[in-house]
Structure formats: C-alpha cells, structure tokens
Amino acid sequence: MGNQLLSYALLSHFSRKLKMRAFVNSELRHYLNKVFTEDSIQHVEIMEETFCNPNDIPWESYSGHIKDFLNKEEYRKGRFILFFPPKTEKDGTPKGYR
C-alpha cells in the first residue's frame, strides 16, 4: 500500500500545484478508495475511463531528479510521463512498482 500512496501523493501534487492532468489506473484507484473518500481523489483521473486504449499511449519513462521535473515546464504539457514504469522478470511476470 505504501507504493500506491506515494504514487498518489506525487500525482495529487502535480495535479493541484502544477495544473497538470494526472492519471492512475483502475487498480490504484481501487486501493485509494479504501483509504480516501471519492470526493478527495477526484482530481486524479482514472486512465481507463479517460482513454479508449491506454496501452497505445506513447508513454515516456522518467527517472531523472524530481527537482528537474518540477522546474522544467517542458514536462507539463503534451507529454505522457510514466514515473513508476512497470518492471517485469524475463518471463514477463511483474516485479517492482506496478
């Protein structure tokens, strides 16, 4: 649950303070609904409810320093940034952040 809360905290901040659209997948939203009220998490949208084919989005993985991301406006519009890209074992099973 800690990974989910960290992800939400970052996305919530980006959405509210930087005026960026932030998205979570339905799995993360399910976990968030166990902790928060629906009204308190509405500003972070559900990816599957917004986009027909979220797997077709040209995601860009970001692994740089958070300071650079926050200070460079080029990251705020027209890009799909994936902060915690899914990691898989060689056989395709998930590991790490999901």
N, C-alpha and C. Protein backbone atom coordinates (compact mmCIF):
# COMPACT_ATOMS: atom_id res chain seq x y z
N MET A 1 0.82 -1.19 0.00
CA MET A 1 0.00 0.00 0.00
C MET A 1 0.86 1.26 0.00
N GLY A 2 2.07 1.17 0.53
CA GLY A 2 2.95 2.33 0.58
C GLY A 2 3.29 2.86 -0.80
N ASN A 3 3.56 1.96 -1.76
CA ASN A 3 3.87 2.39 -3.13
C ASN A 3 2.69 3.13 -3.74
N GLN A 4 1.49 2.63 -3.49
CA GLN A 4 0.29 3.27 -4.04
C GLN A 4 0.10 4.66 -3.45
N LEU A 5 0.33 4.80 -2.16
CA LEU A 5 0.16 6.11 -1.51
C LEU A 5 1.21 7.11 -1.98
N LEU A 6 2.43 6.65 -2.17
CA LEU A 6 3.48 7.53 -2.69
C LEU A 6 3.12 8.01 -4.09
N SER A 7 2.69 7.08 -4.94
CA SER A 7 2.29 7.46 -6.30
C SER A 7 1.17 8.49 -6.26
N TYR A 8 0.17 8.23 -5.46
CA TYR A 8 -0.96 9.17 -5.36
C TYR A 8 -0.51 10.53 -4.84
N ALA A 9 0.35 10.55 -3.83
CA ALA A 9 0.82 11.82 -3.28
C ALA A 9 1.51 12.66 -4.35
N LEU A 10 2.36 12.03 -5.16
CA LEU A 10 3.04 12.76 -6.24
C LEU A 10 2.05 13.27 -7.28
N LEU A 11 1.17 12.38 -7.72
CA LEU A 11 0.21 12.77 -8.75
C LEU A 11 -0.76 13.84 -8.26
N SER A 12 -1.15 13.74 -7.02
CA SER A 12 -2.03 14.75 -6.44
C SER A 12 -1.35 16.11 -6.42
N HIS A 13 -0.11 16.12 -6.04
CA HIS A 13 0.65 17.37 -6.01
C HIS A 13 0.77 17.96 -7.42
N PHE A 14 1.13 17.12 -8.39
CA PHE A 14 1.28 17.61 -9.77
C PHE A 14 -0.04 18.17 -10.28
N SER A 15 -1.11 17.50 -9.97
CA SER A 15 -2.43 17.93 -10.44
C SER A 15 -2.83 19.27 -9.84
N ARG A 16 -2.68 19.40 -8.56
CA ARG A 16 -3.15 20.61 -7.87
C ARG A 16 -2.21 21.79 -8.00
N LYS A 17 -0.94 21.57 -7.81
CA LYS A 17 0.01 22.69 -7.76
C LYS A 17 0.57 23.08 -9.12
N LEU A 18 0.77 22.10 -10.01
CA LEU A 18 1.36 22.40 -11.30
C LEU A 18 0.34 22.45 -12.42
N LYS A 19 -0.94 22.23 -12.07
CA LYS A 19 -2.03 22.27 -13.04
C LYS A 19 -1.84 21.26 -14.18
N MET A 20 -1.32 20.10 -13.82
CA MET A 20 -1.14 19.02 -14.79
C MET A 20 -2.29 18.03 -14.62
N ARG A 21 -2.67 17.38 -15.70
CA ARG A 21 -3.65 16.31 -15.59
C ARG A 21 -2.90 15.07 -15.13
N ALA A 22 -3.39 14.47 -14.08
CA ALA A 22 -2.74 13.29 -13.52
C ALA A 22 -3.70 12.10 -13.60
N PHE A 23 -3.16 10.94 -13.89
CA PHE A 23 -3.97 9.74 -14.08
C PHE A 23 -3.42 8.59 -13.25
N VAL A 24 -4.32 7.75 -12.79
CA VAL A 24 -3.96 6.48 -12.16
C VAL A 24 -4.72 5.38 -12.90
N ASN A 25 -4.24 4.17 -12.77
CA ASN A 25 -5.01 3.08 -13.37
C ASN A 25 -6.10 2.64 -12.39
N SER A 26 -7.00 1.82 -12.86
CA SER A 26 -8.15 1.43 -12.03
C SER A 26 -7.72 0.62 -10.81
N GLU A 27 -6.61 -0.12 -10.92
CA GLU A 27 -6.12 -0.89 -9.78
C GLU A 27 -5.69 0.04 -8.65
N LEU A 28 -4.93 1.08 -8.98
CA LEU A 28 -4.50 2.03 -7.95
C LEU A 28 -5.70 2.77 -7.37
N ARG A 29 -6.65 3.14 -8.21
CA ARG A 29 -7.84 3.84 -7.72
C ARG A 29 -8.61 2.97 -6.72
N HIS A 30 -8.66 1.66 -6.99
CA HIS A 30 -9.30 0.72 -6.08
C HIS A 30 -8.66 0.79 -4.69
N TYR A 31 -7.33 0.79 -4.65
CA TYR A 31 -6.63 0.88 -3.36
C TYR A 31 -6.87 2.24 -2.69
N LEU A 32 -6.86 3.29 -3.47
CA LEU A 32 -7.07 4.62 -2.91
C LEU A 32 -8.46 4.76 -2.30
N ASN A 33 -9.46 4.14 -2.92
CA ASN A 33 -10.82 4.21 -2.39
C ASN A 33 -10.96 3.53 -1.04
N LYS A 34 -10.02 2.70 -0.67
CA LYS A 34 -10.04 2.06 0.65
C LYS A 34 -9.57 3.01 1.75
N VAL A 35 -8.82 4.05 1.34
CA VAL A 35 -8.23 4.97 2.31
C VAL A 35 -8.87 6.35 2.28
N PHE A 36 -9.24 6.82 1.07
CA PHE A 36 -9.74 8.18 0.89
C PHE A 36 -11.19 8.16 0.43
N THR A 37 -11.87 9.27 0.63
CA THR A 37 -13.23 9.40 0.08
C THR A 37 -13.12 9.69 -1.41
N GLU A 38 -14.14 9.34 -2.14
CA GLU A 38 -14.14 9.57 -3.59
C GLU A 38 -13.97 11.06 -3.92
N ASP A 39 -14.62 11.91 -3.16
CA ASP A 39 -14.52 13.36 -3.40
C ASP A 39 -13.09 13.87 -3.27
N SER A 40 -12.32 13.27 -2.36
CA SER A 40 -10.98 13.77 -2.11
C SER A 40 -9.96 13.33 -3.15
N ILE A 41 -10.32 12.37 -4.00
CA ILE A 41 -9.36 11.89 -5.00
C ILE A 41 -9.83 12.11 -6.44
N GLN A 42 -10.88 12.89 -6.62
CA GLN A 42 -11.43 13.12 -7.96
C GLN A 42 -10.47 13.85 -8.89
N HIS A 43 -9.58 14.65 -8.37
CA HIS A 43 -8.68 15.44 -9.21
C HIS A 43 -7.63 14.59 -9.92
N VAL A 44 -7.50 13.31 -9.53
CA VAL A 44 -6.62 12.38 -10.22
C VAL A 44 -7.53 11.43 -10.99
N GLU A 45 -7.46 11.52 -12.32
CA GLU A 45 -8.38 10.79 -13.17
C GLU A 45 -8.00 9.31 -13.33
N ILE A 46 -8.98 8.50 -13.72
CA ILE A 46 -8.75 7.08 -13.98
C ILE A 46 -8.44 6.92 -15.46
N MET A 47 -7.28 6.37 -15.74
CA MET A 47 -6.80 6.27 -17.10
C MET A 47 -7.76 5.50 -18.02
N GLU A 48 -8.23 4.36 -17.56
CA GLU A 48 -9.09 3.52 -18.39
C GLU A 48 -10.44 4.16 -18.68
N GLU A 49 -10.87 5.09 -17.84
CA GLU A 49 -12.13 5.78 -18.06
C GLU A 49 -11.97 7.02 -18.94
N THR A 50 -10.74 7.45 -19.15
CA THR A 50 -10.48 8.64 -19.94
C THR A 50 -10.03 8.31 -21.36
N PHE A 51 -9.22 7.27 -21.51
CA PHE A 51 -8.66 6.90 -22.80
C PHE A 51 -9.17 5.52 -23.22
N CYS A 52 -9.51 5.41 -24.50
CA CYS A 52 -10.01 4.13 -25.01
C CYS A 52 -8.94 3.05 -24.99
N ASN A 53 -7.73 3.40 -25.34
CA ASN A 53 -6.64 2.43 -25.43
C ASN A 53 -5.40 2.95 -24.70
N PRO A 54 -5.40 2.93 -23.36
CA PRO A 54 -4.25 3.49 -22.63
C PRO A 54 -2.94 2.78 -22.94
N ASN A 55 -3.00 1.54 -23.39
CA ASN A 55 -1.77 0.83 -23.72
C ASN A 55 -1.14 1.36 -25.01
N ASP A 56 -1.90 2.11 -25.80
CA ASP A 56 -1.38 2.68 -27.04
C ASP A 56 -0.79 4.08 -26.86
N ILE A 57 -0.85 4.60 -25.65
CA ILE A 57 -0.31 5.94 -25.38
C ILE A 57 1.21 5.89 -25.44
N PRO A 58 1.84 6.87 -26.09
CA PRO A 58 3.31 6.87 -26.18
C PRO A 58 3.97 7.37 -24.88
N TRP A 59 3.94 6.54 -23.86
CA TRP A 59 4.48 6.90 -22.55
C TRP A 59 5.98 7.14 -22.62
N GLU A 60 6.43 8.11 -21.84
CA GLU A 60 7.85 8.39 -21.66
C GLU A 60 8.20 8.07 -20.20
N SER A 61 9.13 7.18 -20.00
CA SER A 61 9.57 6.90 -18.64
C SER A 61 10.43 8.05 -18.14
N TYR A 62 10.23 8.43 -16.89
CA TYR A 62 11.04 9.50 -16.30
C TYR A 62 11.76 8.94 -15.09
N SER A 63 13.07 9.03 -15.11
CA SER A 63 13.84 8.55 -13.97
C SER A 63 14.84 9.59 -13.50
N GLY A 64 14.65 10.83 -13.95
CA GLY A 64 15.54 11.91 -13.54
C GLY A 64 15.23 12.41 -12.14
N HIS A 65 15.92 13.43 -11.74
CA HIS A 65 15.72 14.03 -10.41
C HIS A 65 14.38 14.78 -10.40
N ILE A 66 13.65 14.64 -9.32
CA ILE A 66 12.33 15.27 -9.21
C ILE A 66 12.44 16.80 -9.34
N LYS A 67 13.54 17.38 -8.88
CA LYS A 67 13.73 18.83 -8.98
C LYS A 67 13.70 19.28 -10.44
N ASP A 68 14.34 18.52 -11.31
CA ASP A 68 14.33 18.87 -12.73
C ASP A 68 12.92 18.81 -13.30
N PHE A 69 12.18 17.78 -12.93
CA PHE A 69 10.82 17.65 -13.43
C PHE A 69 9.96 18.82 -12.97
N LEU A 70 10.07 19.19 -11.72
CA LEU A 70 9.24 20.26 -11.17
C LEU A 70 9.58 21.63 -11.75
N ASN A 71 10.83 21.84 -12.12
CA ASN A 71 11.26 23.16 -12.57
C ASN A 71 11.21 23.36 -14.08
N LYS A 72 11.11 22.29 -14.85
CA LYS A 72 11.12 22.43 -16.31
C LYS A 72 9.70 22.33 -16.85
N GLU A 73 9.20 23.45 -17.36
CA GLU A 73 7.83 23.48 -17.85
C GLU A 73 7.61 22.58 -19.06
N GLU A 74 8.66 22.19 -19.74
CA GLU A 74 8.52 21.31 -20.91
C GLU A 74 7.89 19.97 -20.57
N TYR A 75 7.91 19.58 -19.31
CA TYR A 75 7.30 18.32 -18.89
C TYR A 75 5.80 18.45 -18.61
N ARG A 76 5.28 19.65 -18.61
CA ARG A 76 3.91 19.87 -18.13
C ARG A 76 2.82 19.80 -19.17
N LYS A 77 3.15 19.85 -20.44
CA LYS A 77 2.10 19.83 -21.48
C LYS A 77 2.52 18.95 -22.65
N GLY A 78 1.54 18.23 -23.18
CA GLY A 78 1.75 17.48 -24.40
C GLY A 78 2.57 16.22 -24.28
N ARG A 79 2.78 15.74 -23.07
CA ARG A 79 3.58 14.53 -22.88
C ARG A 79 2.89 13.61 -21.89
N PHE A 80 3.11 12.34 -22.04
CA PHE A 80 2.63 11.34 -21.10
C PHE A 80 3.85 10.79 -20.37
N ILE A 81 4.02 11.19 -19.13
CA ILE A 81 5.18 10.80 -18.34
C ILE A 81 4.79 9.66 -17.41
N LEU A 82 5.57 8.61 -17.42
CA LEU A 82 5.35 7.45 -16.57
C LEU A 82 6.43 7.45 -15.50
N PHE A 83 6.03 7.69 -14.25
CA PHE A 83 7.01 7.83 -13.18
C PHE A 83 7.49 6.51 -12.61
N PHE A 84 6.61 5.56 -12.51
CA PHE A 84 6.99 4.27 -11.97
C PHE A 84 6.69 3.21 -13.03
N PRO A 85 7.55 3.12 -14.05
CA PRO A 85 7.26 2.15 -15.11
C PRO A 85 7.22 0.74 -14.56
N PRO A 86 6.31 -0.08 -15.09
CA PRO A 86 6.24 -1.45 -14.62
C PRO A 86 7.52 -2.20 -14.95
N LYS A 87 7.93 -3.02 -14.02
CA LYS A 87 9.12 -3.84 -14.24
C LYS A 87 8.68 -5.29 -14.28
N THR A 88 9.32 -6.05 -15.14
CA THR A 88 8.96 -7.46 -15.24
C THR A 88 10.21 -8.32 -15.23
N GLU A 89 10.01 -9.54 -14.81
CA GLU A 89 11.07 -10.55 -14.90
C GLU A 89 11.23 -10.92 -16.37
N LYS A 90 12.25 -11.70 -16.69
CA LYS A 90 12.47 -12.12 -18.08
C LYS A 90 11.30 -12.91 -18.63
N ASP A 91 10.57 -13.60 -17.75
CA ASP A 91 9.43 -14.40 -18.22
C ASP A 91 8.14 -13.57 -18.31
N GLY A 92 8.22 -12.27 -18.00
CA GLY A 92 7.06 -11.40 -18.14
C GLY A 92 6.26 -11.19 -16.86
N THR A 93 6.61 -11.88 -15.77
CA THR A 93 5.88 -11.68 -14.52
C THR A 93 6.27 -10.35 -13.90
N PRO A 94 5.29 -9.66 -13.29
CA PRO A 94 5.57 -8.34 -12.73
C PRO A 94 6.53 -8.38 -11.55
N LYS A 95 7.33 -7.33 -11.41
CA LYS A 95 8.14 -7.14 -10.22
C LYS A 95 8.28 -5.65 -9.99
N GLY A 96 8.62 -5.25 -8.81
CA GLY A 96 8.82 -3.83 -8.51
C GLY A 96 7.53 -3.05 -8.56
N TYR A 97 7.64 -1.77 -8.91
CA TYR A 97 6.47 -0.88 -8.98
C TYR A 97 5.53 -1.33 -10.07
N ARG A 98 4.22 -1.29 -9.76
CA ARG A 98 3.21 -1.62 -10.76
C ARG A 98 2.12 -0.59 -10.66
